[in-house]
């Protein structure tokens, strides 16, 4: 008697693709988290430079290049 495939059973190629996508998703989430943290730290450094040393290193909107 033939056994019916359950919904959870997928061919190995589909599972491999799903695992690859999950791994990529996790890697991208970590990279985004790192980038956001780095961006926040750089803004804090700019803030300290402005407050302590009077240096305003942020580019002004509409400034000529």
PDB file of N, CA and C in Angstrom:
ATOM      1  N   UNK A   1       0.837  -1.172   0.000  1.00  0.00           N
ATOM      2  CA  UNK A   1       0.000   0.000   0.000  1.00  0.00           C
ATOM      3  C   UNK A   1       0.885   1.239   0.000  1.00  0.00           C
ATOM      4  N   UNK A   2       0.635   2.134  -0.917  1.00  0.00           N
ATOM      5  CA  UNK A   2       1.457   3.338  -1.060  1.00  0.00           C
ATOM      6  C   UNK A   2       1.168   4.303   0.083  1.00  0.00           C
ATOM      7  N   UNK A   3       2.241   4.896   0.608  1.00  0.00           N
ATOM      8  CA  UNK A   3       2.121   5.844   1.712  1.00  0.00           C
ATOM      9  C   UNK A   3       1.967   7.248   1.146  1.00  0.00           C
ATOM     10  N   UNK A   4       0.997   8.005   1.654  1.00  0.00           N
ATOM     11  CA  UNK A   4       0.804   9.372   1.195  1.00  0.00           C
ATOM     12  C   UNK A   4       1.852  10.266   1.827  1.00  0.00           C
ATOM     13  N   UNK A   5       2.340  11.240   1.053  1.00  0.00           N
ATOM     14  CA  UNK A   5       3.302  12.200   1.587  1.00  0.00           C
ATOM     15  C   UNK A   5       2.554  13.222   2.430  1.00  0.00           C
ATOM     16  N   UNK A   6       3.103  13.515   3.571  1.00  0.00           N
ATOM     17  CA  UNK A   6       2.494  14.547   4.399  1.00  0.00           C
ATOM     18  C   UNK A   6       2.886  15.914   3.849  1.00  0.00           C
ATOM     19  N   UNK A   7       2.224  16.929   4.296  1.00  0.00           N
ATOM     20  CA  UNK A   7       2.506  18.296   3.851  1.00  0.00           C
ATOM     21  C   UNK A   7       3.909  18.705   4.260  1.00  0.00           C
ATOM     22  N   UNK A   8       4.371  18.213   5.416  1.00  0.00           N
ATOM     23  CA  UNK A   8       5.681  18.593   5.925  1.00  0.00           C
ATOM     24  C   UNK A   8       6.831  17.947   5.148  1.00  0.00           C
ATOM     25  N   UNK A   9       6.573  16.875   4.464  1.00  0.00           N
ATOM     26  CA  UNK A   9       7.631  16.191   3.728  1.00  0.00           C
ATOM     27  C   UNK A   9       7.859  16.904   2.404  1.00  0.00           C
ATOM     28  N   UNK A  10       9.097  17.296   2.155  1.00  0.00           N
ATOM     29  CA  UNK A  10       9.443  17.983   0.921  1.00  0.00           C
ATOM     30  C   UNK A  10      10.654  17.301   0.325  1.00  0.00           C
ATOM     31  N   UNK A  11      10.793  17.392  -0.975  1.00  0.00           N
ATOM     32  CA  UNK A  11      12.000  16.835  -1.598  1.00  0.00           C
ATOM     33  C   UNK A  11      13.240  17.510  -1.037  1.00  0.00           C
ATOM     34  N   UNK A  12      14.339  16.801  -1.067  1.00  0.00           N
ATOM     35  CA  UNK A  12      15.564  17.324  -0.469  1.00  0.00           C
ATOM     36  C   UNK A  12      16.025  18.615  -1.140  1.00  0.00           C
ATOM     37  N   UNK A  13      15.791  18.763  -2.435  1.00  0.00           N
ATOM     38  CA  UNK A  13      16.209  19.997  -3.114  1.00  0.00           C
ATOM     39  C   UNK A  13      15.428  21.198  -2.585  1.00  0.00           C
ATOM     40  N   UNK A  14      14.136  21.022  -2.289  1.00  0.00           N
ATOM     41  CA  UNK A  14      13.339  22.117  -1.731  1.00  0.00           C
ATOM     42  C   UNK A  14      13.798  22.436  -0.312  1.00  0.00           C
ATOM     43  N   UNK A  15      14.100  21.427   0.472  1.00  0.00           N
ATOM     44  CA  UNK A  15      14.568  21.652   1.839  1.00  0.00           C
ATOM     45  C   UNK A  15      15.919  22.355   1.820  1.00  0.00           C
ATOM     46  N   UNK A  16      16.774  21.950   0.906  1.00  0.00           N
ATOM     47  CA  UNK A  16      18.082  22.578   0.803  1.00  0.00           C
ATOM     48  C   UNK A  16      17.920  24.053   0.466  1.00  0.00           C
ATOM     49  N   UNK A  17      17.034  24.373  -0.473  1.00  0.00           N
ATOM     50  CA  UNK A  17      16.776  25.759  -0.852  1.00  0.00           C
ATOM     51  C   UNK A  17      16.185  26.529   0.329  1.00  0.00           C
ATOM     52  N   UNK A  18      15.284  25.907   1.054  1.00  0.00           N
ATOM     53  CA  UNK A  18      14.677  26.546   2.220  1.00  0.00           C
ATOM     54  C   UNK A  18      15.729  26.808   3.293  1.00  0.00           C
ATOM     55  N   UNK A  19      16.580  25.844   3.535  1.00  0.00           N
ATOM     56  CA  UNK A  19      17.658  26.028   4.514  1.00  0.00           C
ATOM     57  C   UNK A  19      18.612  27.125   4.084  1.00  0.00           C
ATOM     58  N   UNK A  20      18.941  27.156   2.796  1.00  0.00           N
ATOM     59  CA  UNK A  20      19.827  28.195   2.273  1.00  0.00           C
ATOM     60  C   UNK A  20      19.204  29.576   2.461  1.00  0.00           C
ATOM     61  N   UNK A  21      17.928  29.696   2.176  1.00  0.00           N
ATOM     62  CA  UNK A  21      17.241  30.978   2.338  1.00  0.00           C
ATOM     63  C   UNK A  21      17.160  31.391   3.803  1.00  0.00           C
ATOM     64  N   UNK A  22      16.947  30.426   4.675  1.00  0.00           N
ATOM     65  CA  UNK A  22      16.913  30.740   6.116  1.00  0.00           C
ATOM     66  C   UNK A  22      18.278  31.210   6.600  1.00  0.00           C
ATOM     67  N   UNK A  23      19.333  30.531   6.139  1.00  0.00           N
ATOM     68  CA  UNK A  23      20.693  30.928   6.508  1.00  0.00           C
ATOM     69  C   UNK A  23      21.011  32.327   5.997  1.00  0.00           C
ATOM     70  N   UNK A  24      20.624  32.596   4.749  1.00  0.00           N
ATOM     71  CA  UNK A  24      20.867  33.921   4.180  1.00  0.00           C
ATOM     72  C   UNK A  24      20.077  34.985   4.932  1.00  0.00           C
ATOM     73  N   UNK A  25      18.845  34.681   5.268  1.00  0.00           N
ATOM     74  CA  UNK A  25      18.013  35.608   6.028  1.00  0.00           C
ATOM     75  C   UNK A  25      18.656  35.924   7.375  1.00  0.00           C
ATOM     76  N   UNK A  26      19.142  34.922   8.062  1.00  0.00           N
ATOM     77  CA  UNK A  26      19.793  35.115   9.354  1.00  0.00           C
ATOM     78  C   UNK A  26      21.056  35.955   9.194  1.00  0.00           C
ATOM     79  N   UNK A  27      21.857  35.648   8.165  1.00  0.00           N
ATOM     80  CA  UNK A  27      23.080  36.408   7.912  1.00  0.00           C
ATOM     81  C   UNK A  27      22.763  37.873   7.630  1.00  0.00           C
ATOM     82  N   UNK A  28      21.741  38.128   6.821  1.00  0.00           N
ATOM     83  CA  UNK A  28      21.370  39.504   6.496  1.00  0.00           C
ATOM     84  C   UNK A  28      20.820  40.249   7.708  1.00  0.00           C
ATOM     85  N   UNK A  29      20.071  39.552   8.550  1.00  0.00           N
ATOM     86  CA  UNK A  29      19.563  40.197   9.774  1.00  0.00           C
ATOM     87  C   UNK A  29      20.717  40.589  10.697  1.00  0.00           C
ATOM     88  N   UNK A  30      21.711  39.723  10.813  1.00  0.00           N
ATOM     89  CA  UNK A  30      22.878  40.029  11.644  1.00  0.00           C
ATOM     90  C   UNK A  30      23.655  41.210  11.063  1.00  0.00           C
ATOM     91  N   UNK A  31      23.815  41.227   9.737  1.00  0.00           N
ATOM     92  CA  UNK A  31      24.534  42.322   9.083  1.00  0.00           C
ATOM     93  C   UNK A  31      23.798  43.635   9.277  1.00  0.00           C
ATOM     94  N   UNK A  32      22.483  43.610   9.172  1.00  0.00           N
ATOM     95  CA  UNK A  32      21.685  44.819   9.383  1.00  0.00           C
ATOM     96  C   UNK A  32      21.809  45.300  10.817  1.00  0.00           C
ATOM     97  N   UNK A  33      21.742  44.392  11.756  1.00  0.00           N
ATOM     98  CA  UNK A  33      21.875  44.742  13.167  1.00  0.00           C
ATOM     99  C   UNK A  33      23.232  45.379  13.438  1.00  0.00           C
ATOM    100  N   UNK A  34      24.289  44.788  12.880  1.00  0.00           N
ATOM    101  CA  UNK A  34      25.642  45.326  13.039  1.00  0.00           C
ATOM    102  C   UNK A  34      25.743  46.725  12.426  1.00  0.00           C
ATOM    103  N   UNK A  35      25.183  46.897  11.239  1.00  0.00           N
ATOM    104  CA  UNK A  35      25.237  48.195  10.563  1.00  0.00           C
ATOM    105  C   UNK A  35      24.485  49.266  11.347  1.00  0.00           C
ATOM    106  N   UNK A  36      23.345  48.903  11.898  1.00  0.00           N
ATOM    107  CA  UNK A  36      22.581  49.864  12.695  1.00  0.00           C
ATOM    108  C   UNK A  36      23.351  50.260  13.957  1.00  0.00           C
ATOM    109  N   UNK A  37      23.974  49.290  14.605  1.00  0.00           N
ATOM    110  CA  UNK A  37      24.766  49.569  15.797  1.00  0.00           C
ATOM    111  C   UNK A  37      25.973  50.443  15.458  1.00  0.00           C
ATOM    112  N   UNK A  38      26.639  50.139  14.356  1.00  0.00           N
ATOM    113  CA  UNK A  38      27.790  50.928  13.919  1.00  0.00           C
ATOM    114  C   UNK A  38      27.370  52.364  13.598  1.00  0.00           C
ATOM    115  N   UNK A  39      26.254  52.521  12.919  1.00  0.00           N
ATOM    116  CA  UNK A  39      25.744  53.833  12.567  1.00  0.00           C
ATOM    117  C   UNK A  39      25.441  54.654  13.819  1.00  0.00           C
ATOM    118  N   UNK A  40      24.829  54.018  14.792  1.00  0.00           N
ATOM    119  CA  UNK A  40      24.522  54.685  16.055  1.00  0.00           C
ATOM    120  C   UNK A  40      25.808  55.123  16.771  1.00  0.00           C
ATOM    121  N   UNK A  41      26.819  54.266  16.769  1.00  0.00           N
ATOM    122  CA  UNK A  41      28.097  54.600  17.406  1.00  0.00           C
ATOM    123  C   UNK A  41      28.777  55.770  16.699  1.00  0.00           C
ATOM    124  N   UNK A  42      28.751  55.772  15.375  1.00  0.00           N
ATOM    125  CA  UNK A  42      29.367  56.873  14.630  1.00  0.00           C
ATOM    126  C   UNK A  42      28.653  58.198  14.893  1.00  0.00           C
ATOM    127  N   UNK A  43      27.337  58.158  14.986  1.00  0.00           N
ATOM    128  CA  UNK A  43      26.592  59.378  15.311  1.00  0.00           C
ATOM    129  C   UNK A  43      26.936  59.869  16.716  1.00  0.00           C
ATOM    130  N   UNK A  44      27.157  58.950  17.614  1.00  0.00           N
ATOM    131  CA  UNK A  44      27.545  59.333  18.977  1.00  0.00           C
ATOM    132  C   UNK A  44      28.924  59.996  18.973  1.00  0.00           C
ATOM    133  N   UNK A  45      29.844  59.472  18.181  1.00  0.00           N
ATOM    134  CA  UNK A  45      31.176  60.075  18.067  1.00  0.00           C
ATOM    135  C   UNK A  45      31.058  61.486  17.499  1.00  0.00           C
ATOM    136  N   UNK A  46      30.235  61.668  16.484  1.00  0.00           N
ATOM    137  CA  UNK A  46      30.032  62.999  15.906  1.00  0.00           C
ATOM    138  C   UNK A  46      29.418  63.958  16.924  1.00  0.00           C
ATOM    139  N   UNK A  47      28.500  63.460  17.711  1.00  0.00           N
ATOM    140  CA  UNK A  47      27.857  64.277  18.752  1.00  0.00           C
ATOM    141  C   UNK A  47      28.896  64.714  19.791  1.00  0.00           C
ATOM    142  N   UNK A  48      29.745  63.785  20.218  1.00  0.00           N
ATOM    143  CA  UNK A  48      30.788  64.108  21.200  1.00  0.00           C
ATOM    144  C   UNK A  48      31.759  65.133  20.610  1.00  0.00           C
ATOM    145  N   UNK A  49      32.141  64.938  19.360  1.00  0.00           N
ATOM    146  CA  UNK A  49      33.042  65.890  18.714  1.00  0.00           C
ATOM    147  C   UNK A  49      32.437  67.285  18.644  1.00  0.00           C
ATOM    148  N   UNK A  50      31.160  67.352  18.377  1.00  0.00           N
ATOM    149  CA  UNK A  50      30.473  68.640  18.297  1.00  0.00           C
ATOM    150  C   UNK A  50      30.388  69.293  19.673  1.00  0.00           C
ATOM    151  N   UNK A  51      30.033  68.507  20.691  1.00  0.00           N
ATOM    152  CA  UNK A  51      29.846  69.061  22.042  1.00  0.00           C
ATOM    153  C   UNK A  51      31.166  69.434  22.708  1.00  0.00           C
ATOM    154  N   UNK A  52      32.158  68.571  22.629  1.00  0.00           N
ATOM    155  CA  UNK A  52      33.419  68.804  23.345  1.00  0.00           C
ATOM    156  C   UNK A  52      34.397  69.693  22.598  1.00  0.00           C
ATOM    157  N   UNK A  53      34.450  69.539  21.280  1.00  0.00           N
ATOM    158  CA  UNK A  53      35.494  70.211  20.512  1.00  0.00           C
ATOM    159  C   UNK A  53      34.960  71.249  19.533  1.00  0.00           C
ATOM    160  N   UNK A  54      33.654  71.377  19.461  1.00  0.00           N
ATOM    161  CA  UNK A  54      33.071  72.346  18.546  1.00  0.00           C
ATOM    162  C   UNK A  54      33.218  71.979  17.084  1.00  0.00           C
ATOM    163  N   UNK A  55      33.437  70.722  16.798  1.00  0.00           N
ATOM    164  CA  UNK A  55      33.587  70.258  15.418  1.00  0.00           C
ATOM    165  C   UNK A  55      32.246  69.739  14.910  1.00  0.00           C
ATOM    166  N   UNK A  56      31.786  70.298  13.810  1.00  0.00           N
ATOM    167  CA  UNK A  56      30.554  69.790  13.205  1.00  0.00           C
ATOM    168  C   UNK A  56      30.936  69.144  11.881  1.00  0.00           C
ATOM    169  N   UNK A  57      31.052  67.842  11.888  1.00  0.00           N
ATOM    170  CA  UNK A  57      31.533  67.113  10.721  1.00  0.00           C
ATOM    171  C   UNK A  57      30.420  66.595   9.822  1.00  0.00           C
ATOM    172  N   UNK A  58      29.181  66.791  10.230  1.00  0.00           N
ATOM    173  CA  UNK A  58      28.074  66.347   9.390  1.00  0.00           C
ATOM    174  C   UNK A  58      27.927  67.278   8.201  1.00  0.00           C
ATOM    175  N   UNK A  59      27.678  66.697   7.050  1.00  0.00           N
ATOM    176  CA  UNK A  59      27.513  67.487   5.846  1.00  0.00           C
ATOM    177  C   UNK A  59      26.168  68.194   5.911  1.00  0.00           C
ATOM    178  N   UNK A  60      26.175  69.471   5.613  1.00  0.00           N
ATOM    179  CA  UNK A  60      24.948  70.250   5.631  1.00  0.00           C
ATOM    180  C   UNK A  60      24.133  69.954   4.377  1.00  0.00           C
ATOM    181  N   UNK A  61      22.829  69.899   4.546  1.00  0.00           N
ATOM    182  CA  UNK A  61      21.940  69.691   3.403  1.00  0.00           C
ATOM    183  C   UNK A  61      22.040  70.900   2.488  1.00  0.00           C
ATOM    184  N   UNK A  62      22.171  70.636   1.193  1.00  0.00           N
ATOM    185  CA  UNK A  62      22.240  71.699   0.212  1.00  0.00           C
ATOM    186  C   UNK A  62      23.606  72.338   0.089  1.00  0.00           C
ATOM    187  N   UNK A  63      24.607  71.809   0.741  1.00  0.00           N
ATOM    188  CA  UNK A  63      25.956  72.358   0.657  1.00  0.00           C
ATOM    189  C   UNK A  63      26.553  72.054  -0.716  1.00  0.00           C
ATOM    190  N   UNK A  64      27.328  72.991  -1.223  1.00  0.00           N
ATOM    191  CA  UNK A  64      27.984  72.786  -2.519  1.00  0.00           C
ATOM    192  C   UNK A  64      29.122  71.790  -2.366  1.00  0.00           C
ATOM    193  N   UNK A  65      29.321  71.024  -3.406  1.00  0.00           N
ATOM    194  CA  UNK A  65      30.403  70.033  -3.373  1.00  0.00           C
ATOM    195  C   UNK A  65      31.605  70.505  -4.126  1.00  0.00           C
TER     196      UNK A  65
END
